[in-house]
């Protein structure tokens, strides 16, 4: 049955895609019948479409001869741009090419805290070098520019606690975080299997002012009326292990960075005696890049490497 889907656009004067396909098939087959068969349409319907095409283009286009439907000079002139137009439309409609990490050459910019430089970045870099040697990773800070950077494409992902990324962003939980205390393994007063609130109040501390979870810690300390005696304040985790391993200072940190530093430097880890709300580390990306093959590959890789704890929990 003939439908309006195959008519020309009277408002714009543009020829419909189906009529362009008919033109191409008649030119190739020299037959209205064979063109209709390839399009799955009856000969009367195809003849009707050809009549529309002739009327719009102001030319017979194809003339019946003993050798079939032969093109007019106008049709011969049009066949190249018609085929170019159809090829362009096929490219538009074709699926986006898959991202091939083994041959890709591009840079990924990931916003993360300096704790993630220690806990996540080495593992991510090692895996990327193994499967995608042409890819460069760049670590950037999490700050007030993180949202605009993700939206504009200047950054690909943000990994961490970024609660202000809401409308227009997707997020995926990677792993949970609670709080621990890092202590020198040879601390003269803190030893055994646990540290109580009395020891926590009595000892001197290292304060970490950076990181998006510090507000949770400070709010919990204030709520439970715990005042720490801070002798050193650091903007981040750089140098923290060296400080704790050579002093009697205590550092209260998220579990992943605490356990990572303890494994590499021989520090002791205790559950924090103050009830601090846990939080989840997530990866965030902007909706503009939700279907982007390269961004999807990077997100899938981060899920594979870092979401194992959550999978086990389920």
C-alpha atoms as a PDB file:
ATOM      1  CA  UNK A   1       0.000   0.000   0.000  1.00  0.00           C
ATOM      2  CA  UNK A   2       1.289   3.439  -0.886  1.00  0.00           C
ATOM      3  CA  UNK A   3       1.857   5.727   2.079  1.00  0.00           C
ATOM      4  CA  UNK A   4       2.826   9.356   2.631  1.00  0.00           C
ATOM      5  CA  UNK A   5       6.222   8.164   3.942  1.00  0.00           C
ATOM      6  CA  UNK A   6       7.388   7.958   0.335  1.00  0.00           C
ATOM      7  CA  UNK A   7       6.146  11.337  -0.885  1.00  0.00           C
ATOM      8  CA  UNK A   8       8.250  14.395  -1.487  1.00  0.00           C
ATOM      9  CA  UNK A   9       8.392  17.112   1.140  1.00  0.00           C
ATOM     10  CA  UNK A  10       6.252  19.849  -0.363  1.00  0.00           C
ATOM     11  CA  UNK A  11       7.308  22.369   2.235  1.00  0.00           C
ATOM     12  CA  UNK A  12      11.040  22.098   1.556  1.00  0.00           C
ATOM     13  CA  UNK A  13      11.115  20.754  -2.002  1.00  0.00           C
ATOM     14  CA  UNK A  14      13.324  17.921  -0.800  1.00  0.00           C
ATOM     15  CA  UNK A  15      13.053  14.457  -2.302  1.00  0.00           C
ATOM     16  CA  UNK A  16      12.234  11.671   0.163  1.00  0.00           C
ATOM     17  CA  UNK A  17      14.832   9.009   0.916  1.00  0.00           C
ATOM     18  CA  UNK A  18      12.642   6.270  -0.571  1.00  0.00           C
ATOM     19  CA  UNK A  19      12.353   8.119  -3.866  1.00  0.00           C
ATOM     20  CA  UNK A  20      16.115   8.561  -3.958  1.00  0.00           C
ATOM     21  CA  UNK A  21      16.503   4.822  -3.361  1.00  0.00           C
ATOM     22  CA  UNK A  22      14.038   4.137  -6.194  1.00  0.00           C
ATOM     23  CA  UNK A  23      16.000   6.411  -8.515  1.00  0.00           C
ATOM     24  CA  UNK A  24      19.232   4.575  -7.678  1.00  0.00           C
ATOM     25  CA  UNK A  25      17.676   1.124  -8.182  1.00  0.00           C
ATOM     26  CA  UNK A  26      16.060   1.957 -11.519  1.00  0.00           C
ATOM     27  CA  UNK A  27      19.344   3.422 -12.701  1.00  0.00           C
ATOM     28  CA  UNK A  28      21.163   0.217 -11.666  1.00  0.00           C
ATOM     29  CA  UNK A  29      18.622  -2.362 -12.846  1.00  0.00           C
ATOM     30  CA  UNK A  30      17.129  -0.490 -15.829  1.00  0.00           C
ATOM     31  CA  UNK A  31      13.800  -1.908 -14.658  1.00  0.00           C
ATOM     32  CA  UNK A  32      10.876  -0.515 -12.682  1.00  0.00           C
ATOM     33  CA  UNK A  33       9.753  -4.080 -11.912  1.00  0.00           C
ATOM     34  CA  UNK A  34      13.093  -5.236 -10.505  1.00  0.00           C
ATOM     35  CA  UNK A  35      13.462  -1.998  -8.549  1.00  0.00           C
ATOM     36  CA  UNK A  36      10.036  -2.597  -6.995  1.00  0.00           C
ATOM     37  CA  UNK A  37      10.962  -6.189  -6.116  1.00  0.00           C
ATOM     38  CA  UNK A  38      14.116  -5.054  -4.338  1.00  0.00           C
ATOM     39  CA  UNK A  39      12.095  -2.465  -2.423  1.00  0.00           C
ATOM     40  CA  UNK A  40       9.306  -4.932  -1.608  1.00  0.00           C
ATOM     41  CA  UNK A  41       6.685  -2.852  -3.417  1.00  0.00           C
ATOM     42  CA  UNK A  42       4.242  -3.567  -6.244  1.00  0.00           C
ATOM     43  CA  UNK A  43       4.847  -2.256  -9.741  1.00  0.00           C
ATOM     44  CA  UNK A  44       1.848   0.138  -9.641  1.00  0.00           C
ATOM     45  CA  UNK A  45       3.122   1.671  -6.415  1.00  0.00           C
ATOM     46  CA  UNK A  46       6.631   2.064  -7.768  1.00  0.00           C
ATOM     47  CA  UNK A  47       5.294   3.540 -11.019  1.00  0.00           C
ATOM     48  CA  UNK A  48       3.348   6.055  -8.908  1.00  0.00           C
ATOM     49  CA  UNK A  49       6.525   7.010  -7.015  1.00  0.00           C
ATOM     50  CA  UNK A  50       8.436   7.400 -10.268  1.00  0.00           C
ATOM     51  CA  UNK A  51       5.688   9.729 -11.492  1.00  0.00           C
ATOM     52  CA  UNK A  52       6.104  11.883  -8.390  1.00  0.00           C
ATOM     53  CA  UNK A  53       9.858  11.955  -8.852  1.00  0.00           C
ATOM     54  CA  UNK A  54       9.517  12.979 -12.498  1.00  0.00           C
ATOM     55  CA  UNK A  55       7.099  15.749 -11.557  1.00  0.00           C
ATOM     56  CA  UNK A  56       9.312  17.165  -8.822  1.00  0.00           C
ATOM     57  CA  UNK A  57      12.510  17.035 -10.841  1.00  0.00           C
ATOM     58  CA  UNK A  58      10.863  18.200 -14.057  1.00  0.00           C
ATOM     59  CA  UNK A  59      12.320  15.443 -16.212  1.00  0.00           C
ATOM     60  CA  UNK A  60      11.350  11.991 -17.499  1.00  0.00           C
ATOM     61  CA  UNK A  61      14.501  10.611 -15.864  1.00  0.00           C
ATOM     62  CA  UNK A  62      14.053   7.128 -17.371  1.00  0.00           C
ATOM     63  CA  UNK A  63      12.691   6.243 -20.833  1.00  0.00           C
ATOM     64  CA  UNK A  64      11.464   2.761 -21.843  1.00  0.00           C
ATOM     65  CA  UNK A  65      13.514   1.212 -24.667  1.00  0.00           C
ATOM     66  CA  UNK A  66      14.203  -2.284 -25.998  1.00  0.00           C
ATOM     67  CA  UNK A  67      17.165  -2.338 -23.622  1.00  0.00           C
ATOM     68  CA  UNK A  68      15.075  -1.417 -20.580  1.00  0.00           C
ATOM     69  CA  UNK A  69      14.588   1.883 -18.776  1.00  0.00           C
ATOM     70  CA  UNK A  70      17.379   4.097 -20.032  1.00  0.00           C
ATOM     71  CA  UNK A  71      18.387   7.246 -18.107  1.00  0.00           C
ATOM     72  CA  UNK A  72      17.998  10.679 -19.601  1.00  0.00           C
ATOM     73  CA  UNK A  73      20.946  13.078 -19.541  1.00  0.00           C
ATOM     74  CA  UNK A  74      19.382  14.697 -16.462  1.00  0.00           C
ATOM     75  CA  UNK A  75      19.259  11.329 -14.679  1.00  0.00           C
ATOM     76  CA  UNK A  76      22.872  10.612 -15.617  1.00  0.00           C
ATOM     77  CA  UNK A  77      23.796  14.014 -14.218  1.00  0.00           C
ATOM     78  CA  UNK A  78      21.969  13.297 -10.954  1.00  0.00           C
ATOM     79  CA  UNK A  79      23.104   9.736 -10.230  1.00  0.00           C
ATOM     80  CA  UNK A  80      26.404  10.721  -8.572  1.00  0.00           C
ATOM     81  CA  UNK A  81      24.951  13.283  -6.118  1.00  0.00           C
ATOM     82  CA  UNK A  82      22.001  10.936  -5.397  1.00  0.00           C
ATOM     83  CA  UNK A  83      24.359   8.097  -4.471  1.00  0.00           C
ATOM     84  CA  UNK A  84      26.530  10.456  -2.412  1.00  0.00           C
ATOM     85  CA  UNK A  85      23.431  11.622  -0.534  1.00  0.00           C
ATOM     86  CA  UNK A  86      22.329   8.050   0.143  1.00  0.00           C
ATOM     87  CA  UNK A  87      25.820   7.112   1.313  1.00  0.00           C
ATOM     88  CA  UNK A  88      25.856  10.087   3.702  1.00  0.00           C
ATOM     89  CA  UNK A  89      22.475   9.071   5.120  1.00  0.00           C
ATOM     90  CA  UNK A  90      23.715   5.509   5.637  1.00  0.00           C
ATOM     91  CA  UNK A  91      26.695   6.861   7.559  1.00  0.00           C
ATOM     92  CA  UNK A  92      24.359   8.913   9.750  1.00  0.00           C
ATOM     93  CA  UNK A  93      22.175   5.885  10.463  1.00  0.00           C
ATOM     94  CA  UNK A  94      25.042   3.450  10.959  1.00  0.00           C
ATOM     95  CA  UNK A  95      25.924   2.370  14.522  1.00  0.00           C
ATOM     96  CA  UNK A  96      28.754   4.301  16.121  1.00  0.00           C
ATOM     97  CA  UNK A  97      32.041   2.413  15.708  1.00  0.00           C
ATOM     98  CA  UNK A  98      33.070   0.390  18.719  1.00  0.00           C
ATOM     99  CA  UNK A  99      35.954   1.665  20.826  1.00  0.00           C
ATOM    100  CA  UNK A 100      39.036  -0.482  20.219  1.00  0.00           C
ATOM    101  CA  UNK A 101      41.358   0.045  23.213  1.00  0.00           C
ATOM    102  CA  UNK A 102      44.246  -1.930  21.716  1.00  0.00           C
ATOM    103  CA  UNK A 103      44.585   0.526  18.816  1.00  0.00           C
ATOM    104  CA  UNK A 104      43.140   3.695  20.364  1.00  0.00           C
ATOM    105  CA  UNK A 105      45.290   6.796  20.801  1.00  0.00           C
ATOM    106  CA  UNK A 106      43.629   9.345  23.055  1.00  0.00           C
ATOM    107  CA  UNK A 107      43.801  10.943  26.504  1.00  0.00           C
ATOM    108  CA  UNK A 108      41.374  10.272  29.357  1.00  0.00           C
ATOM    109  CA  UNK A 109      41.103  12.897  32.091  1.00  0.00           C
ATOM    110  CA  UNK A 110      39.806  11.571  35.408  1.00  0.00           C
ATOM    111  CA  UNK A 111      38.966  13.827  38.362  1.00  0.00           C
ATOM    112  CA  UNK A 112      39.920  12.193  41.665  1.00  0.00           C
ATOM    113  CA  UNK A 113      41.299  12.937  45.126  1.00  0.00           C
ATOM    114  CA  UNK A 114      44.950  12.471  46.009  1.00  0.00           C
ATOM    115  CA  UNK A 115      43.875   9.419  48.036  1.00  0.00           C
ATOM    116  CA  UNK A 116      42.781   7.819  44.761  1.00  0.00           C
ATOM    117  CA  UNK A 117      46.222   8.608  43.326  1.00  0.00           C
ATOM    118  CA  UNK A 118      47.525   6.113  45.896  1.00  0.00           C
ATOM    119  CA  UNK A 119      44.694   3.571  45.999  1.00  0.00           C
ATOM    120  CA  UNK A 120      43.151   3.468  42.496  1.00  0.00           C
ATOM    121  CA  UNK A 121      45.462   5.085  39.976  1.00  0.00           C
ATOM    122  CA  UNK A 122      48.332   2.539  40.072  1.00  0.00           C
ATOM    123  CA  UNK A 123      45.988  -0.370  39.368  1.00  0.00           C
ATOM    124  CA  UNK A 124      44.123   1.556  36.660  1.00  0.00           C
ATOM    125  CA  UNK A 125      47.369   2.611  34.984  1.00  0.00           C
ATOM    126  CA  UNK A 126      48.766  -0.914  35.023  1.00  0.00           C
ATOM    127  CA  UNK A 127      45.640  -2.312  33.377  1.00  0.00           C
ATOM    128  CA  UNK A 128      45.450   0.441  30.752  1.00  0.00           C
ATOM    129  CA  UNK A 129      49.100  -0.061  29.804  1.00  0.00           C
ATOM    130  CA  UNK A 130      48.444  -3.759  29.345  1.00  0.00           C
ATOM    131  CA  UNK A 131      45.316  -3.509  27.164  1.00  0.00           C
ATOM    132  CA  UNK A 132      45.491  -0.004  25.642  1.00  0.00           C
ATOM    133  CA  UNK A 133      49.125   1.078  25.210  1.00  0.00           C
ATOM    134  CA  UNK A 134      48.220   4.144  23.138  1.00  0.00           C
ATOM    135  CA  UNK A 135      46.039   5.710  25.838  1.00  0.00           C
ATOM    136  CA  UNK A 136      47.282   8.463  28.160  1.00  0.00           C
ATOM    137  CA  UNK A 137      45.724   8.983  31.590  1.00  0.00           C
ATOM    138  CA  UNK A 138      45.567  12.376  33.274  1.00  0.00           C
ATOM    139  CA  UNK A 139      44.517  12.825  36.901  1.00  0.00           C
ATOM    140  CA  UNK A 140      42.777  16.088  37.795  1.00  0.00           C
ATOM    141  CA  UNK A 141      41.437  17.498  41.049  1.00  0.00           C
ATOM    142  CA  UNK A 142      37.857  17.259  42.255  1.00  0.00           C
ATOM    143  CA  UNK A 143      36.659  20.820  42.837  1.00  0.00           C
ATOM    144  CA  UNK A 144      33.931  23.253  41.822  1.00  0.00           C
ATOM    145  CA  UNK A 145      35.052  22.982  38.177  1.00  0.00           C
ATOM    146  CA  UNK A 146      34.526  19.219  38.037  1.00  0.00           C
ATOM    147  CA  UNK A 147      30.899  19.451  36.895  1.00  0.00           C
ATOM    148  CA  UNK A 148      31.550  21.933  34.049  1.00  0.00           C
ATOM    149  CA  UNK A 149      34.593  19.922  32.967  1.00  0.00           C
ATOM    150  CA  UNK A 150      32.531  16.726  32.696  1.00  0.00           C
ATOM    151  CA  UNK A 151      29.781  18.531  30.822  1.00  0.00           C
ATOM    152  CA  UNK A 152      32.160  20.112  28.300  1.00  0.00           C
ATOM    153  CA  UNK A 153      34.182  16.949  27.751  1.00  0.00           C
ATOM    154  CA  UNK A 154      37.340  18.407  29.258  1.00  0.00           C
ATOM    155  CA  UNK A 155      37.108  15.564  31.798  1.00  0.00           C
ATOM    156  CA  UNK A 156      35.770  12.067  31.207  1.00  0.00           C
ATOM    157  CA  UNK A 157      35.054  10.762  34.700  1.00  0.00           C
ATOM    158  CA  UNK A 158      35.029  11.852  38.326  1.00  0.00           C
ATOM    159  CA  UNK A 159      35.730   9.157  40.916  1.00  0.00           C
ATOM    160  CA  UNK A 160      35.083   9.833  44.586  1.00  0.00           C
ATOM    161  CA  UNK A 161      32.528  11.471  46.842  1.00  0.00           C
ATOM    162  CA  UNK A 162      31.082  14.288  44.726  1.00  0.00           C
ATOM    163  CA  UNK A 163      27.606  14.932  46.171  1.00  0.00           C
ATOM    164  CA  UNK A 164      27.041  18.201  44.281  1.00  0.00           C
ATOM    165  CA  UNK A 165      26.914  16.409  40.887  1.00  0.00           C
ATOM    166  CA  UNK A 166      23.184  15.844  40.464  1.00  0.00           C
ATOM    167  CA  UNK A 167      21.049  16.980  37.530  1.00  0.00           C
ATOM    168  CA  UNK A 168      22.485  15.952  34.168  1.00  0.00           C
ATOM    169  CA  UNK A 169      24.929  13.428  35.600  1.00  0.00           C
ATOM    170  CA  UNK A 170      24.979   9.654  35.884  1.00  0.00           C
ATOM    171  CA  UNK A 171      26.650   7.866  38.761  1.00  0.00           C
ATOM    172  CA  UNK A 172      27.605   4.317  39.704  1.00  0.00           C
ATOM    173  CA  UNK A 173      28.608   3.032  43.135  1.00  0.00           C
ATOM    174  CA  UNK A 174      32.066   1.450  43.133  1.00  0.00           C
ATOM    175  CA  UNK A 175      32.736   0.577  46.787  1.00  0.00           C
ATOM    176  CA  UNK A 176      31.778   1.580  50.339  1.00  0.00           C
ATOM    177  CA  UNK A 177      34.031   3.494  52.709  1.00  0.00           C
ATOM    178  CA  UNK A 178      34.074   3.674  56.474  1.00  0.00           C
ATOM    179  CA  UNK A 179      36.687   5.268  58.726  1.00  0.00           C
ATOM    180  CA  UNK A 180      39.847   3.942  60.358  1.00  0.00           C
ATOM    181  CA  UNK A 181      42.765   5.263  62.376  1.00  0.00           C
ATOM    182  CA  UNK A 182      46.357   4.914  61.231  1.00  0.00           C
ATOM    183  CA  UNK A 183      48.894   4.452  64.020  1.00  0.00           C
ATOM    184  CA  UNK A 184      52.612   3.760  64.221  1.00  0.00           C
ATOM    185  CA  UNK A 185      53.023   0.010  64.717  1.00  0.00           C
ATOM    186  CA  UNK A 186      55.461   0.806  67.565  1.00  0.00           C
ATOM    187  CA  UNK A 187      53.235   3.397  69.219  1.00  0.00           C
ATOM    188  CA  UNK A 188      54.145   3.498  72.930  1.00  0.00           C
ATOM    189  CA  UNK A 189      50.564   3.729  74.201  1.00  0.00           C
ATOM    190  CA  UNK A 190      48.227   2.432  71.480  1.00  0.00           C
ATOM    191  CA  UNK A 191      48.515  -1.286  70.858  1.00  0.00           C
ATOM    192  CA  UNK A 192      46.431  -4.436  70.888  1.00  0.00           C
ATOM    193  CA  UNK A 193      43.458  -5.155  68.643  1.00  0.00           C
ATOM    194  CA  UNK A 194      41.406  -2.027  69.200  1.00  0.00           C
ATOM    195  CA  UNK A 195      41.677   1.604  70.132  1.00  0.00           C
ATOM    196  CA  UNK A 196      39.118   3.059  72.508  1.00  0.00           C
ATOM    197  CA  UNK A 197      37.655   6.528  72.634  1.00  0.00           C
ATOM    198  CA  UNK A 198      39.789   7.357  75.680  1.00  0.00           C
ATOM    199  CA  UNK A 199      43.021   6.763  73.765  1.00  0.00           C
ATOM    200  CA  UNK A 200      41.630   8.609  70.759  1.00  0.00           C
ATOM    201  CA  UNK A 201      40.905  11.699  72.851  1.00  0.00           C
ATOM    202  CA  UNK A 202      44.228  11.561  74.697  1.00  0.00           C
ATOM    203  CA  UNK A 203      46.593  11.182  71.739  1.00  0.00           C
ATOM    204  CA  UNK A 204      47.803  13.861  69.340  1.00  0.00           C
ATOM    205  CA  UNK A 205      46.559  13.771  65.746  1.00  0.00           C
ATOM    206  CA  UNK A 206      47.378  14.584  62.151  1.00  0.00           C
ATOM    207  CA  UNK A 207      44.519  16.474  60.516  1.00  0.00           C
ATOM    208  CA  UNK A 208      43.769  16.091  56.791  1.00  0.00           C
ATOM    209  CA  UNK A 209      42.012  19.188  55.477  1.00  0.00           C
ATOM    210  CA  UNK A 210      41.635  17.959  51.885  1.00  0.00           C
ATOM    211  CA  UNK A 211      39.285  15.338  50.495  1.00  0.00           C
ATOM    212  CA  UNK A 212      35.551  15.488  49.979  1.00  0.00           C
ATOM    213  CA  UNK A 213      34.771  13.256  52.991  1.00  0.00           C
ATOM    214  CA  UNK A 214      36.425  15.440  55.610  1.00  0.00           C
ATOM    215  CA  UNK A 215      33.122  17.238  56.314  1.00  0.00           C
ATOM    216  CA  UNK A 216      31.585  13.916  57.385  1.00  0.00           C
ATOM    217  CA  UNK A 217      34.412  13.341  59.846  1.00  0.00           C
ATOM    218  CA  UNK A 218      34.323  16.848  61.287  1.00  0.00           C
ATOM    219  CA  UNK A 219      30.540  16.780  61.678  1.00  0.00           C
ATOM    220  CA  UNK A 220      30.686  13.421  63.511  1.00  0.00           C
ATOM    221  CA  UNK A 221      33.414  14.626  65.868  1.00  0.00           C
ATOM    222  CA  UNK A 222      31.407  17.718  66.685  1.00  0.00           C
ATOM    223  CA  UNK A 223      28.199  15.713  67.154  1.00  0.00           C
ATOM    224  CA  UNK A 224      29.896  13.376  69.637  1.00  0.00           C
ATOM    225  CA  UNK A 225      31.766  16.242  71.324  1.00  0.00           C
ATOM    226  CA  UNK A 226      35.185  14.821  70.490  1.00  0.00           C
ATOM    227  CA  UNK A 227      37.915  17.431  70.188  1.00  0.00           C
ATOM    228  CA  UNK A 228      41.154  16.201  68.664  1.00  0.00           C
ATOM    229  CA  UNK A 229      44.487  17.672  69.639  1.00  0.00           C
ATOM    230  CA  UNK A 230      45.909  18.285  66.177  1.00  0.00           C
ATOM    231  CA  UNK A 231      49.658  18.921  66.064  1.00  0.00           C
ATOM    232  CA  UNK A 232      50.012  18.774  62.274  1.00  0.00           C
ATOM    233  CA  UNK A 233      47.575  19.558  59.505  1.00  0.00           C
ATOM    234  CA  UNK A 234      48.122  18.364  55.934  1.00  0.00           C
ATOM    235  CA  UNK A 235      46.238  19.412  52.778  1.00  0.00           C
ATOM    236  CA  UNK A 236      46.131  15.792  51.582  1.00  0.00           C
ATOM    237  CA  UNK A 237      47.602  12.343  51.997  1.00  0.00           C
ATOM    238  CA  UNK A 238      51.024  13.020  50.505  1.00  0.00           C
ATOM    239  CA  UNK A 239      53.608  12.363  53.210  1.00  0.00           C
ATOM    240  CA  UNK A 240      51.036  11.043  55.693  1.00  0.00           C
ATOM    241  CA  UNK A 241      52.551   7.559  55.961  1.00  0.00           C
ATOM    242  CA  UNK A 242      56.026   8.951  56.584  1.00  0.00           C
ATOM    243  CA  UNK A 243      54.696  11.214  59.338  1.00  0.00           C
ATOM    244  CA  UNK A 244      52.672   8.530  61.141  1.00  0.00           C
ATOM    245  CA  UNK A 245      55.419   5.889  60.869  1.00  0.00           C
ATOM    246  CA  UNK A 246      57.981   8.180  62.557  1.00  0.00           C
ATOM    247  CA  UNK A 247      55.797   9.787  65.247  1.00  0.00           C
ATOM    248  CA  UNK A 248      53.101   8.906  67.773  1.00  0.00           C
ATOM    249  CA  UNK A 249      50.450  10.921  65.894  1.00  0.00           C
ATOM    250  CA  UNK A 250      47.130   9.347  64.869  1.00  0.00           C
ATOM    251  CA  UNK A 251      45.472   9.924  61.487  1.00  0.00           C
ATOM    252  CA  UNK A 252      41.748   9.331  60.892  1.00  0.00           C
ATOM    253  CA  UNK A 253      41.165   8.448  57.244  1.00  0.00           C
ATOM    254  CA  UNK A 254      38.808   6.511  54.944  1.00  0.00           C
ATOM    255  CA  UNK A 255      39.435   2.777  55.132  1.00  0.00           C
ATOM    256  CA  UNK A 256      40.791   2.228  51.638  1.00  0.00           C
ATOM    257  CA  UNK A 257      43.574   4.812  51.880  1.00  0.00           C
ATOM    258  CA  UNK A 258      44.319   3.708  55.458  1.00  0.00           C
ATOM    259  CA  UNK A 259      44.664   0.020  54.606  1.00  0.00           C
ATOM    260  CA  UNK A 260      46.668   0.798  51.467  1.00  0.00           C
ATOM    261  CA  UNK A 261      49.166   2.927  53.390  1.00  0.00           C
ATOM    262  CA  UNK A 262      49.344   0.322  56.165  1.00  0.00           C
ATOM    263  CA  UNK A 263      50.220  -2.447  53.685  1.00  0.00           C
ATOM    264  CA  UNK A 264      53.010  -0.447  52.105  1.00  0.00           C
ATOM    265  CA  UNK A 265      54.525   1.112  55.228  1.00  0.00           C
ATOM    266  CA  UNK A 266      53.792  -1.304  58.084  1.00  0.00           C
ATOM    267  CA  UNK A 267      51.396   0.928  59.981  1.00  0.00           C
ATOM    268  CA  UNK A 268      48.648  -0.374  62.257  1.00  0.00           C
ATOM    269  CA  UNK A 269      44.980   0.114  61.391  1.00  0.00           C
ATOM    270  CA  UNK A 270      42.199   0.448  63.988  1.00  0.00           C
ATOM    271  CA  UNK A 271      38.484   1.003  63.533  1.00  0.00           C
ATOM    272  CA  UNK A 272      37.666   4.589  64.366  1.00  0.00           C
ATOM    273  CA  UNK A 273      36.146   4.697  67.868  1.00  0.00           C
ATOM    274  CA  UNK A 274      33.950   7.667  66.893  1.00  0.00           C
ATOM    275  CA  UNK A 275      30.821   6.707  64.889  1.00  0.00           C
ATOM    276  CA  UNK A 276      31.467   8.465  61.580  1.00  0.00           C
ATOM    277  CA  UNK A 277      28.885   7.944  58.824  1.00  0.00           C
ATOM    278  CA  UNK A 278      30.187   5.778  55.981  1.00  0.00           C
ATOM    279  CA  UNK A 279      29.969   6.895  52.381  1.00  0.00           C
ATOM    280  CA  UNK A 280      30.272   5.356  48.933  1.00  0.00           C
ATOM    281  CA  UNK A 281      32.874   6.070  46.293  1.00  0.00           C
ATOM    282  CA  UNK A 282      31.169   6.506  42.931  1.00  0.00           C
ATOM    283  CA  UNK A 283      32.137   7.202  39.380  1.00  0.00           C
ATOM    284  CA  UNK A 284      30.313  10.113  37.766  1.00  0.00           C
ATOM    285  CA  UNK A 285      29.892  11.140  34.137  1.00  0.00           C
ATOM    286  CA  UNK A 286      27.753  13.617  32.217  1.00  0.00           C
ATOM    287  CA  UNK A 287      24.655  12.539  30.289  1.00  0.00           C
ATOM    288  CA  UNK A 288      26.174  13.919  27.068  1.00  0.00           C
ATOM    289  CA  UNK A 289      28.706  11.086  27.094  1.00  0.00           C
ATOM    290  CA  UNK A 290      26.509   8.290  28.429  1.00  0.00           C
ATOM    291  CA  UNK A 291      26.521   6.454  25.085  1.00  0.00           C
ATOM    292  CA  UNK A 292      30.005   7.475  23.973  1.00  0.00           C
ATOM    293  CA  UNK A 293      31.931   4.233  23.253  1.00  0.00           C
ATOM    294  CA  UNK A 294      35.229   5.476  24.724  1.00  0.00           C
ATOM    295  CA  UNK A 295      33.573   6.758  27.890  1.00  0.00           C
ATOM    296  CA  UNK A 296      31.624   3.521  28.258  1.00  0.00           C
ATOM    297  CA  UNK A 297      34.833   1.520  27.953  1.00  0.00           C
ATOM    298  CA  UNK A 298      36.546   3.582  30.649  1.00  0.00           C
ATOM    299  CA  UNK A 299      33.559   3.273  32.987  1.00  0.00           C
ATOM    300  CA  UNK A 300      33.380  -0.450  32.410  1.00  0.00           C
ATOM    301  CA  UNK A 301      37.064  -0.784  33.192  1.00  0.00           C
ATOM    302  CA  UNK A 302      36.702   1.139  36.467  1.00  0.00           C
ATOM    303  CA  UNK A 303      33.712  -1.005  37.421  1.00  0.00           C
ATOM    304  CA  UNK A 304      35.693  -4.170  36.675  1.00  0.00           C
ATOM    305  CA  UNK A 305      38.694  -3.041  38.702  1.00  0.00           C
ATOM    306  CA  UNK A 306      37.085  -1.301  41.657  1.00  0.00           C
ATOM    307  CA  UNK A 307      33.483  -2.504  42.142  1.00  0.00           C
ATOM    308  CA  UNK A 308      34.390  -6.027  43.243  1.00  0.00           C
ATOM    309  CA  UNK A 309      33.534  -5.376  46.887  1.00  0.00           C
ATOM    310  CA  UNK A 310      30.039  -4.301  45.910  1.00  0.00           C
ATOM    311  CA  UNK A 311      29.545  -7.382  43.745  1.00  0.00           C
ATOM    312  CA  UNK A 312      30.595  -9.609  46.628  1.00  0.00           C
ATOM    313  CA  UNK A 313      28.202  -7.779  48.933  1.00  0.00           C
ATOM    314  CA  UNK A 314      25.319  -8.561  46.597  1.00  0.00           C
END
